[in-house]
PDB file of N, CA and C in Angstrom:
ATOM      1  N   MET A   1       0.739  -1.118   0.160  1.00  0.00           N
ATOM      2  CA  MET A   1      -0.049   0.003  -0.260  1.00  0.00           C
ATOM      3  C   MET A   1       0.712   1.302  -0.130  1.00  0.00           C
ATOM      4  N   ASN A   2       0.626   2.209  -0.933  1.00  0.00           N
ATOM      5  CA  ASN A   2       1.052   3.302  -0.965  1.00  0.00           C
ATOM      6  C   ASN A   2       0.855   4.458   0.117  1.00  0.00           C
ATOM      7  N   ARG A   3       1.660   4.992   1.020  1.00  0.00           N
ATOM      8  CA  ARG A   3       1.276   5.936   2.063  1.00  0.00           C
ATOM      9  C   ARG A   3       2.256   7.122   1.760  1.00  0.00           C
ATOM     10  N   ASN A   4       1.447   8.463   2.116  1.00  0.00           N
ATOM     11  CA  ASN A   4       2.074   9.748   1.923  1.00  0.00           C
ATOM     12  C   ASN A   4       1.427  10.577   2.529  1.00  0.00           C
ATOM     13  N   LYS A   5       1.967  11.734   2.769  1.00  0.00           N
ATOM     14  CA  LYS A   5       1.415  12.796   3.731  1.00  0.00           C
ATOM     15  C   LYS A   5       2.105  13.977   3.380  1.00  0.00           C
ATOM     16  N   VAL A   6       0.850  15.228   3.029  1.00  0.00           N
ATOM     17  CA  VAL A   6       1.376  16.341   2.825  1.00  0.00           C
ATOM     18  C   VAL A   6       1.963  17.069   4.008  1.00  0.00           C
ATOM     19  N   LEU A   7       3.309  17.443   3.701  1.00  0.00           N
ATOM     20  CA  LEU A   7       4.227  18.091   4.905  1.00  0.00           C
ATOM     21  C   LEU A   7       4.227  19.790   4.947  1.00  0.00           C
ATOM     22  N   ASP A   8       3.766  20.359   3.960  1.00  0.00           N
ATOM     23  CA  ASP A   8       4.082  21.577   4.026  1.00  0.00           C
ATOM     24  C   ASP A   8       3.235  22.313   2.332  1.00  0.00           C
ATOM     25  N   LEU A   9       2.559  23.263   2.614  1.00  0.00           N
ATOM     26  CA  LEU A   9       1.933  23.977   1.678  1.00  0.00           C
ATOM     27  C   LEU A   9       1.987  25.610   1.349  1.00  0.00           C
ATOM     28  N   GLY A  10       3.470  25.765   1.945  1.00  0.00           N
ATOM     29  CA  GLY A  10       3.670  27.080   1.764  1.00  0.00           C
ATOM     30  C   GLY A  10       3.033  28.225   2.338  1.00  0.00           C
ATOM     31  N   GLY A  11       2.864  27.832   3.938  1.00  0.00           N
ATOM     32  CA  GLY A  11       2.126  28.323   4.857  1.00  0.00           C
ATOM     33  C   GLY A  11       0.330  28.232   4.894  1.00  0.00           C
ATOM     34  N   LEU A  12       0.092  27.693   3.844  1.00  0.00           N
ATOM     35  CA  LEU A  12      -1.651  27.474   3.717  1.00  0.00           C
ATOM     36  C   LEU A  12      -1.749  25.983   4.746  1.00  0.00           C
ATOM     37  N   ASP A  13      -2.747  26.150   5.389  1.00  0.00           N
ATOM     38  CA  ASP A  13      -3.567  24.799   6.018  1.00  0.00           C
ATOM     39  C   ASP A  13      -3.907  23.717   5.116  1.00  0.00           C
ATOM     40  N   ASN A  14      -4.666  24.434   3.484  1.00  0.00           N
ATOM     41  CA  ASN A  14      -5.476  23.161   2.945  1.00  0.00           C
ATOM     42  C   ASN A  14      -5.406  23.867   1.705  1.00  0.00           C
ATOM     43  N   LEU A  15      -5.531  23.396   0.328  1.00  0.00           N
ATOM     44  CA  LEU A  15      -5.726  23.928  -0.762  1.00  0.00           C
ATOM     45  C   LEU A  15      -6.748  23.101  -1.424  1.00  0.00           C
ATOM     46  N   TYR A  16      -7.505  23.447  -2.009  1.00  0.00           N
ATOM     47  CA  TYR A  16      -8.678  22.932  -2.978  1.00  0.00           C
ATOM     48  C   TYR A  16      -8.166  22.973  -4.123  1.00  0.00           C
ATOM     49  N   ALA A  17      -8.640  21.987  -4.905  1.00  0.00           N
ATOM     50  CA  ALA A  17      -8.385  21.769  -6.528  1.00  0.00           C
ATOM     51  C   ALA A  17      -9.772  21.934  -7.163  1.00  0.00           C
ATOM     52  N   ILE A  18      -9.758  22.645  -8.106  1.00  0.00           N
ATOM     53  CA  ILE A  18     -10.890  23.162  -8.975  1.00  0.00           C
ATOM     54  C   ILE A  18     -11.009  21.760 -10.152  1.00  0.00           C
ATOM     55  N   GLY A  19     -12.289  21.272 -10.238  1.00  0.00           N
ATOM     56  CA  GLY A  19     -12.630  20.364 -11.174  1.00  0.00           C
ATOM     57  C   GLY A  19     -13.492  20.747 -11.959  1.00  0.00           C
ATOM     58  N   GLY A  20     -14.329  19.870 -12.447  1.00  0.00           N
ATOM     59  CA  GLY A  20     -15.529  20.372 -13.617  1.00  0.00           C
ATOM     60  C   GLY A  20     -16.382  21.092 -13.289  1.00  0.00           C
ATOM     61  N   ASN A  21     -17.187  22.135 -13.766  1.00  0.00           N
ATOM     62  CA  ASN A  21     -18.012  22.776 -13.359  1.00  0.00           C
ATOM     63  C   ASN A  21     -17.550  23.711 -12.567  1.00  0.00           C
ATOM     64  N   ASN A  22     -16.182  24.487 -12.470  1.00  0.00           N
ATOM     65  CA  ASN A  22     -15.722  25.196 -11.158  1.00  0.00           C
ATOM     66  C   ASN A  22     -16.078  24.452  -9.917  1.00  0.00           C
ATOM     67  N   THR A  23     -16.109  23.510  -9.945  1.00  0.00           N
ATOM     68  CA  THR A  23     -16.434  23.203  -8.127  1.00  0.00           C
ATOM     69  C   THR A  23     -15.176  22.463  -7.809  1.00  0.00           C
ATOM     70  N   TYR A  24     -15.106  22.607  -6.705  1.00  0.00           N
ATOM     71  CA  TYR A  24     -13.695  22.027  -5.747  1.00  0.00           C
ATOM     72  C   TYR A  24     -14.255  20.460  -5.646  1.00  0.00           C
ATOM     73  N   ASN A  25     -13.477  19.410  -5.853  1.00  0.00           N
ATOM     74  CA  ASN A  25     -13.615  18.255  -5.764  1.00  0.00           C
ATOM     75  C   ASN A  25     -12.380  17.360  -5.210  1.00  0.00           C
ATOM     76  N   ALA A  26     -11.231  18.040  -4.788  1.00  0.00           N
ATOM     77  CA  ALA A  26     -10.218  17.424  -4.353  1.00  0.00           C
ATOM     78  C   ALA A  26      -9.679  18.499  -3.139  1.00  0.00           C
ATOM     79  N   VAL A  27      -8.708  18.090  -2.321  1.00  0.00           N
ATOM     80  CA  VAL A  27      -8.281  18.699  -1.285  1.00  0.00           C
ATOM     81  C   VAL A  27      -6.898  18.270  -1.113  1.00  0.00           C
ATOM     82  N   LEU A  28      -5.850  19.011  -0.580  1.00  0.00           N
ATOM     83  CA  LEU A  28      -4.602  18.780  -0.024  1.00  0.00           C
ATOM     84  C   LEU A  28      -4.669  19.385   1.443  1.00  0.00           C
ATOM     85  N   LYS A  29      -4.398  18.686   2.257  1.00  0.00           N
ATOM     86  CA  LYS A  29      -4.228  19.304   3.780  1.00  0.00           C
ATOM     87  C   LYS A  29      -3.001  18.790   4.372  1.00  0.00           C
ATOM     88  N   VAL A  30      -2.249  19.619   5.262  1.00  0.00           N
ATOM     89  CA  VAL A  30      -1.111  19.781   5.809  1.00  0.00           C
ATOM     90  C   VAL A  30      -1.403  18.291   6.813  1.00  0.00           C
ATOM     91  N   GLY A  31      -0.973  17.311   6.725  1.00  0.00           N
ATOM     92  CA  GLY A  31      -0.592  16.194   7.619  1.00  0.00           C
ATOM     93  C   GLY A  31      -1.945  15.308   6.975  1.00  0.00           C
ATOM     94  N   GLN A  32      -2.316  15.417   6.017  1.00  0.00           N
ATOM     95  CA  GLN A  32      -3.213  14.175   5.443  1.00  0.00           C
ATOM     96  C   GLN A  32      -2.589  13.653   3.969  1.00  0.00           C
ATOM     97  N   PRO A  33      -3.242  12.490   3.626  1.00  0.00           N
ATOM     98  CA  PRO A  33      -2.490  12.035   2.495  1.00  0.00           C
ATOM     99  C   PRO A  33      -2.813  12.947   1.211  1.00  0.00           C
ATOM    100  N   LEU A  34      -2.237  12.465   0.039  1.00  0.00           N
ATOM    101  CA  LEU A  34      -2.829  13.058  -0.958  1.00  0.00           C
ATOM    102  C   LEU A  34      -4.179  12.497  -1.719  1.00  0.00           C
ATOM    103  N   GLY A  35      -4.785  12.630  -2.549  1.00  0.00           N
ATOM    104  CA  GLY A  35      -5.873  11.898  -3.088  1.00  0.00           C
ATOM    105  C   GLY A  35      -7.054  12.173  -2.365  1.00  0.00           C
ATOM    106  N   GLU A  36      -7.297  13.233  -1.930  1.00  0.00           N
ATOM    107  CA  GLU A  36      -8.603  13.238  -1.003  1.00  0.00           C
ATOM    108  C   GLU A  36      -9.514  13.816  -1.721  1.00  0.00           C
ATOM    109  N   PHE A  37     -10.717  13.267  -1.545  1.00  0.00           N
ATOM    110  CA  PHE A  37     -11.606  14.021  -2.220  1.00  0.00           C
ATOM    111  C   PHE A  37     -12.497  14.672  -1.301  1.00  0.00           C
ATOM    112  N   ALA A  38     -13.073  16.066  -1.823  1.00  0.00           N
ATOM    113  CA  ALA A  38     -13.921  17.003  -0.876  1.00  0.00           C
ATOM    114  C   ALA A  38     -15.265  17.119  -1.521  1.00  0.00           C
ATOM    115  N   GLY A  39     -16.089  17.404  -0.390  1.00  0.00           N
ATOM    116  CA  GLY A  39     -17.471  17.752  -0.885  1.00  0.00           C
ATOM    117  C   GLY A  39     -18.344  17.878   0.315  1.00  0.00           C
ATOM    118  N   TYR A  40     -19.470  18.338   0.134  1.00  0.00           N
ATOM    119  CA  TYR A  40     -20.562  18.621   1.099  1.00  0.00           C
ATOM    120  C   TYR A  40     -20.924  17.229   1.620  1.00  0.00           C
ATOM    121  N   GLN A  41     -21.182  17.234   2.863  1.00  0.00           N
ATOM    122  CA  GLN A  41     -21.903  16.062   3.312  1.00  0.00           C
ATOM    123  C   GLN A  41     -23.079  16.121   3.457  1.00  0.00           C
ATOM    124  N   PHE A  42     -23.767  15.042   2.640  1.00  0.00           N
ATOM    125  CA  PHE A  42     -25.272  14.847   2.256  1.00  0.00           C
ATOM    126  C   PHE A  42     -25.679  14.394   3.387  1.00  0.00           C
ATOM    127  N   LEU A  43     -26.807  14.852   3.978  1.00  0.00           N
ATOM    128  CA  LEU A  43     -27.754  14.682   5.121  1.00  0.00           C
ATOM    129  C   LEU A  43     -29.023  13.987   4.882  1.00  0.00           C
ATOM    130  N   GLY A  44     -29.231  13.890   3.746  1.00  0.00           N
ATOM    131  CA  GLY A  44     -30.873  13.462   3.328  1.00  0.00           C
ATOM    132  C   GLY A  44     -31.342  14.599   2.155  1.00  0.00           C
ATOM    133  N   THR A  45     -32.963  14.759   2.248  1.00  0.00           N
ATOM    134  CA  THR A  45     -33.738  15.594   1.796  1.00  0.00           C
ATOM    135  C   THR A  45     -34.276  16.041   2.801  1.00  0.00           C
ATOM    136  N   TRP A  46     -34.336  17.803   2.554  1.00  0.00           N
ATOM    137  CA  TRP A  46     -35.249  18.573   3.604  1.00  0.00           C
ATOM    138  C   TRP A  46     -36.589  17.746   3.470  1.00  0.00           C
ATOM    139  N   LYS A  47     -37.315  17.668   4.784  1.00  0.00           N
ATOM    140  CA  LYS A  47     -38.660  17.040   5.025  1.00  0.00           C
ATOM    141  C   LYS A  47     -39.751  18.084   4.946  1.00  0.00           C
ATOM    142  N   SER A  48     -40.948  17.840   4.977  1.00  0.00           N
ATOM    143  CA  SER A  48     -42.133  18.828   5.006  1.00  0.00           C
ATOM    144  C   SER A  48     -41.912  19.680   6.086  1.00  0.00           C
ATOM    145  N   GLY A  49     -41.771  19.167   7.441  1.00  0.00           N
ATOM    146  CA  GLY A  49     -41.748  19.929   8.634  1.00  0.00           C
ATOM    147  C   GLY A  49     -40.449  20.765   8.903  1.00  0.00           C
ATOM    148  N   GLU A  50     -39.416  20.876   7.874  1.00  0.00           N
ATOM    149  CA  GLU A  50     -38.364  21.625   7.903  1.00  0.00           C
ATOM    150  C   GLU A  50     -38.309  22.881   6.572  1.00  0.00           C
ATOM    151  N   ALA A  51     -39.669  22.994   6.366  1.00  0.00           N
ATOM    152  CA  ALA A  51     -39.746  23.912   5.261  1.00  0.00           C
ATOM    153  C   ALA A  51     -39.052  25.483   5.654  1.00  0.00           C
ATOM    154  N   THR A  52     -39.415  25.862   6.629  1.00  0.00           N
ATOM    155  CA  THR A  52     -38.770  27.113   7.428  1.00  0.00           C
ATOM    156  C   THR A  52     -37.416  27.057   7.469  1.00  0.00           C
ATOM    157  N   GLN A  53     -36.579  26.015   8.136  1.00  0.00           N
ATOM    158  CA  GLN A  53     -35.230  26.010   7.942  1.00  0.00           C
ATOM    159  C   GLN A  53     -34.768  25.740   6.607  1.00  0.00           C
ATOM    160  N   ALA A  54     -35.291  25.081   5.853  1.00  0.00           N
ATOM    161  CA  ALA A  54     -34.657  24.836   4.180  1.00  0.00           C
ATOM    162  C   ALA A  54     -34.562  26.281   3.618  1.00  0.00           C
ATOM    163  N   ALA A  55     -35.690  27.208   3.955  1.00  0.00           N
ATOM    164  CA  ALA A  55     -35.893  28.412   3.189  1.00  0.00           C
ATOM    165  C   ALA A  55     -34.754  29.137   3.605  1.00  0.00           C
ATOM    166  N   LEU A  56     -33.884  29.178   4.724  1.00  0.00           N
ATOM    167  CA  LEU A  56     -33.023  29.735   5.241  1.00  0.00           C
ATOM    168  C   LEU A  56     -31.866  29.421   4.095  1.00  0.00           C
ATOM    169  N   TYR A  57     -31.818  28.426   3.685  1.00  0.00           N
ATOM    170  CA  TYR A  57     -30.514  27.861   2.441  1.00  0.00           C
ATOM    171  C   TYR A  57     -30.987  27.987   1.098  1.00  0.00           C
ATOM    172  N   GLY A  58     -32.435  28.667   0.899  1.00  0.00           N
ATOM    173  CA  GLY A  58     -32.680  28.834  -0.333  1.00  0.00           C
ATOM    174  C   GLY A  58     -33.439  27.447  -1.073  1.00  0.00           C
ATOM    175  N   ASN A  59     -33.648  26.581  -0.103  1.00  0.00           N
ATOM    176  CA  ASN A  59     -34.372  25.326  -0.468  1.00  0.00           C
ATOM    177  C   ASN A  59     -35.614  24.841   0.177  1.00  0.00           C
ATOM    178  N   LYS A  60     -36.208  24.016  -0.497  1.00  0.00           N
ATOM    179  CA  LYS A  60     -37.601  23.558  -0.199  1.00  0.00           C
ATOM    180  C   LYS A  60     -37.655  22.009   0.236  1.00  0.00           C
ATOM    181  N   PRO A  61     -38.802  21.624   0.922  1.00  0.00           N
ATOM    182  CA  PRO A  61     -38.761  20.564   1.007  1.00  0.00           C
ATOM    183  C   PRO A  61     -38.393  19.411  -0.152  1.00  0.00           C
ATOM    184  N   GLY A  62     -37.837  18.499  -0.204  1.00  0.00           N
ATOM    185  CA  GLY A  62     -37.691  17.710  -1.316  1.00  0.00           C
ATOM    186  C   GLY A  62     -36.202  17.813  -2.002  1.00  0.00           C
ATOM    187  N   ASP A  63     -35.408  18.928  -1.510  1.00  0.00           N
ATOM    188  CA  ASP A  63     -34.093  19.267  -2.075  1.00  0.00           C
ATOM    189  C   ASP A  63     -33.238  18.507  -1.272  1.00  0.00           C
ATOM    190  N   ALA A  64     -31.985  18.615  -1.871  1.00  0.00           N
ATOM    191  CA  ALA A  64     -30.762  17.698  -0.798  1.00  0.00           C
ATOM    192  C   ALA A  64     -30.468  18.878   0.310  1.00  0.00           C
ATOM    193  N   LYS A  65     -30.202  18.021   1.511  1.00  0.00           N
ATOM    194  CA  LYS A  65     -29.689  18.727   2.537  1.00  0.00           C
ATOM    195  C   LYS A  65     -28.450  18.137   2.784  1.00  0.00           C
ATOM    196  N   TYR A  66     -27.578  19.547   3.266  1.00  0.00           N
ATOM    197  CA  TYR A  66     -26.016  19.111   3.620  1.00  0.00           C
ATOM    198  C   TYR A  66     -25.912  19.837   4.914  1.00  0.00           C
ATOM    199  N   LEU A  67     -24.542  19.204   5.427  1.00  0.00           N
ATOM    200  CA  LEU A  67     -24.329  19.786   6.753  1.00  0.00           C
ATOM    201  C   LEU A  67     -23.344  21.361   6.372  1.00  0.00           C
ATOM    202  N   ASP A  68     -24.092  22.194   7.292  1.00  0.00           N
ATOM    203  CA  ASP A  68     -23.539  23.306   7.236  1.00  0.00           C
ATOM    204  C   ASP A  68     -22.645  23.509   8.334  1.00  0.00           C
ATOM    205  N   VAL A  69     -21.308  23.131   8.162  1.00  0.00           N
ATOM    206  CA  VAL A  69     -20.326  23.155   9.246  1.00  0.00           C
ATOM    207  C   VAL A  69     -20.146  24.424   9.881  1.00  0.00           C
ATOM    208  N   ASN A  70     -20.268  25.639   9.485  1.00  0.00           N
ATOM    209  CA  ASN A  70     -19.715  27.020   9.902  1.00  0.00           C
ATOM    210  C   ASN A  70     -21.069  27.482  10.357  1.00  0.00           C
ATOM    211  N   GLY A  71     -22.447  26.752  10.173  1.00  0.00           N
ATOM    212  CA  GLY A  71     -23.534  27.717  10.576  1.00  0.00           C
ATOM    213  C   GLY A  71     -24.067  29.197   9.942  1.00  0.00           C
ATOM    214  N   ASP A  72     -23.614  29.187   8.640  1.00  0.00           N
ATOM    215  CA  ASP A  72     -23.727  30.419   7.969  1.00  0.00           C
ATOM    216  C   ASP A  72     -24.688  30.649   7.036  1.00  0.00           C
ATOM    217  N   HIS A  73     -25.542  29.343   7.088  1.00  0.00           N
ATOM    218  CA  HIS A  73     -26.836  29.193   6.094  1.00  0.00           C
ATOM    219  C   HIS A  73     -26.367  29.251   4.423  1.00  0.00           C
ATOM    220  N   ALA A  74     -25.154  29.127   4.220  1.00  0.00           N
ATOM    221  CA  ALA A  74     -24.743  29.216   2.981  1.00  0.00           C
ATOM    222  C   ALA A  74     -23.640  28.138   2.686  1.00  0.00           C
ATOM    223  N   PHE A  75     -23.896  27.288   1.616  1.00  0.00           N
ATOM    224  CA  PHE A  75     -22.380  26.335   1.333  1.00  0.00           C
ATOM    225  C   PHE A  75     -21.615  26.742   0.504  1.00  0.00           C
ATOM    226  N   THR A  76     -20.324  26.413   1.067  1.00  0.00           N
ATOM    227  CA  THR A  76     -19.154  27.219   0.593  1.00  0.00           C
ATOM    228  C   THR A  76     -17.905  26.398   1.016  1.00  0.00           C
ATOM    229  N   ALA A  77     -16.930  26.501   0.538  1.00  0.00           N
ATOM    230  CA  ALA A  77     -15.691  25.544   0.628  1.00  0.00           C
ATOM    231  C   ALA A  77     -15.460  25.520   2.146  1.00  0.00           C
ATOM    232  N   ALA A  78     -15.897  26.433   3.086  1.00  0.00           N
ATOM    233  CA  ALA A  78     -15.717  26.185   4.194  1.00  0.00           C
ATOM    234  C   ALA A  78     -16.548  24.903   4.919  1.00  0.00           C
ATOM    235  N   ASP A  79     -17.367  24.385   4.463  1.00  0.00           N
ATOM    236  CA  ASP A  79     -18.291  23.508   4.681  1.00  0.00           C
ATOM    237  C   ASP A  79     -17.953  21.982   4.045  1.00  0.00           C
ATOM    238  N   TYR A  80     -16.670  22.179   3.194  1.00  0.00           N
ATOM    239  CA  TYR A  80     -16.156  20.914   2.806  1.00  0.00           C
ATOM    240  C   TYR A  80     -15.573  19.894   3.534  1.00  0.00           C
ATOM    241  N   ARG A  81     -15.741  18.483   3.481  1.00  0.00           N
ATOM    242  CA  ARG A  81     -15.221  17.446   3.992  1.00  0.00           C
ATOM    243  C   ARG A  81     -14.526  16.889   3.346  1.00  0.00           C
ATOM    244  N   ALA A  82     -13.659  16.012   3.679  1.00  0.00           N
ATOM    245  CA  ALA A  82     -12.829  15.074   3.176  1.00  0.00           C
ATOM    246  C   ALA A  82     -13.961  13.748   2.521  1.00  0.00           C
ATOM    247  N   ALA A  83     -14.259  13.695   1.673  1.00  0.00           N
ATOM    248  CA  ALA A  83     -15.295  12.549   1.120  1.00  0.00           C
ATOM    249  C   ALA A  83     -14.594  11.109   1.389  1.00  0.00           C
ATOM    250  N   ARG A  84     -13.368  11.019   0.718  1.00  0.00           N
ATOM    251  CA  ARG A  84     -12.730   9.483   0.874  1.00  0.00           C
ATOM    252  C   ARG A  84     -11.353   9.805   0.439  1.00  0.00           C
ATOM    253  N   LYS A  85     -10.623   8.947   0.419  1.00  0.00           N
ATOM    254  CA  LYS A  85      -9.164   8.703   0.033  1.00  0.00           C
ATOM    255  C   LYS A  85      -8.985   7.880  -1.273  1.00  0.00           C
ATOM    256  N   CYS A  86      -8.098   8.243  -1.927  1.00  0.00           N
ATOM    257  CA  CYS A  86      -8.225   7.514  -3.041  1.00  0.00           C
ATOM    258  C   CYS A  86      -6.720   6.773  -3.567  1.00  0.00           C
ATOM    259  N   ASP A  87      -6.635   5.759  -3.144  1.00  0.00           N
ATOM    260  CA  ASP A  87      -5.592   5.022  -2.802  1.00  0.00           C
ATOM    261  C   ASP A  87      -5.868   3.698  -3.828  1.00  0.00           C
ATOM    262  N   ALA A  88      -6.134   3.942  -5.181  1.00  0.00           N
ATOM    263  CA  ALA A  88      -6.319   2.900  -6.331  1.00  0.00           C
ATOM    264  C   ALA A  88      -4.915   2.119  -6.339  1.00  0.00           C
ATOM    265  N   GLU A  89      -5.449   1.106  -6.615  1.00  0.00           N
ATOM    266  CA  GLU A  89      -4.627  -0.018  -7.230  1.00  0.00           C
ATOM    267  C   GLU A  89      -4.484   0.036  -8.548  1.00  0.00           C
ATOM    268  N   VAL A  90      -3.140  -0.130  -8.976  1.00  0.00           N
ATOM    269  CA  VAL A  90      -3.367   0.033 -10.575  1.00  0.00           C
ATOM    270  C   VAL A  90      -3.016  -1.731 -11.134  1.00  0.00           C
ATOM    271  N   HIS A  91      -3.761  -1.864 -11.964  1.00  0.00           N
ATOM    272  CA  HIS A  91      -3.537  -3.334 -12.637  1.00  0.00           C
ATOM    273  C   HIS A  91      -3.440  -3.211 -14.205  1.00  0.00           C
ATOM    274  N   LEU A  92      -2.362  -3.890 -14.806  1.00  0.00           N
ATOM    275  CA  LEU A  92      -2.402  -3.826 -16.104  1.00  0.00           C
ATOM    276  C   LEU A  92      -2.463  -5.373 -16.576  1.00  0.00           C
ATOM    277  N   TRP A  93      -3.402  -5.343 -17.530  1.00  0.00           N
ATOM    278  CA  TRP A  93      -3.738  -6.693 -18.445  1.00  0.00           C
ATOM    279  C   TRP A  93      -3.288  -6.478 -19.696  1.00  0.00           C
ATOM    280  N   VAL A  94      -2.736  -7.246 -20.412  1.00  0.00           N
ATOM    281  CA  VAL A  94      -1.991  -7.197 -21.666  1.00  0.00           C
ATOM    282  C   VAL A  94      -2.727  -8.296 -22.482  1.00  0.00           C
ATOM    283  N   TYR A  95      -3.698  -8.054 -23.355  1.00  0.00           N
ATOM    284  CA  TYR A  95      -4.528  -8.911 -24.199  1.00  0.00           C
ATOM    285  C   TYR A  95      -3.421  -9.251 -25.536  1.00  0.00           C
ATOM    286  N   GLN A  96      -3.502 -10.567 -26.306  1.00  0.00           N
ATOM    287  CA  GLN A  96      -2.980 -10.524 -27.252  1.00  0.00           C
ATOM    288  C   GLN A  96      -3.970 -11.234 -28.319  1.00  0.00           C
TER     289      GLN A  96
END
């Protein structure tokens, strides 16, 4: 198994990589391994009884509900969490 760790990012604590659709999808964090994916933590969908709370986020019942880590009623990079690590094994098959 390949083990690695980010030691320094030039004074930054973390660095997000921008992927398709101008969304962040990977994160480099000091002390963590390379290859972590980042995203919002999905909590389910807003329920009918949560309509008032959903509206604070510009949502309505039935919309996706995510964890608002810092409680500012906006989903930004500050709410991203490491989703999983990518330590893919590489296999090579040669067909003749």
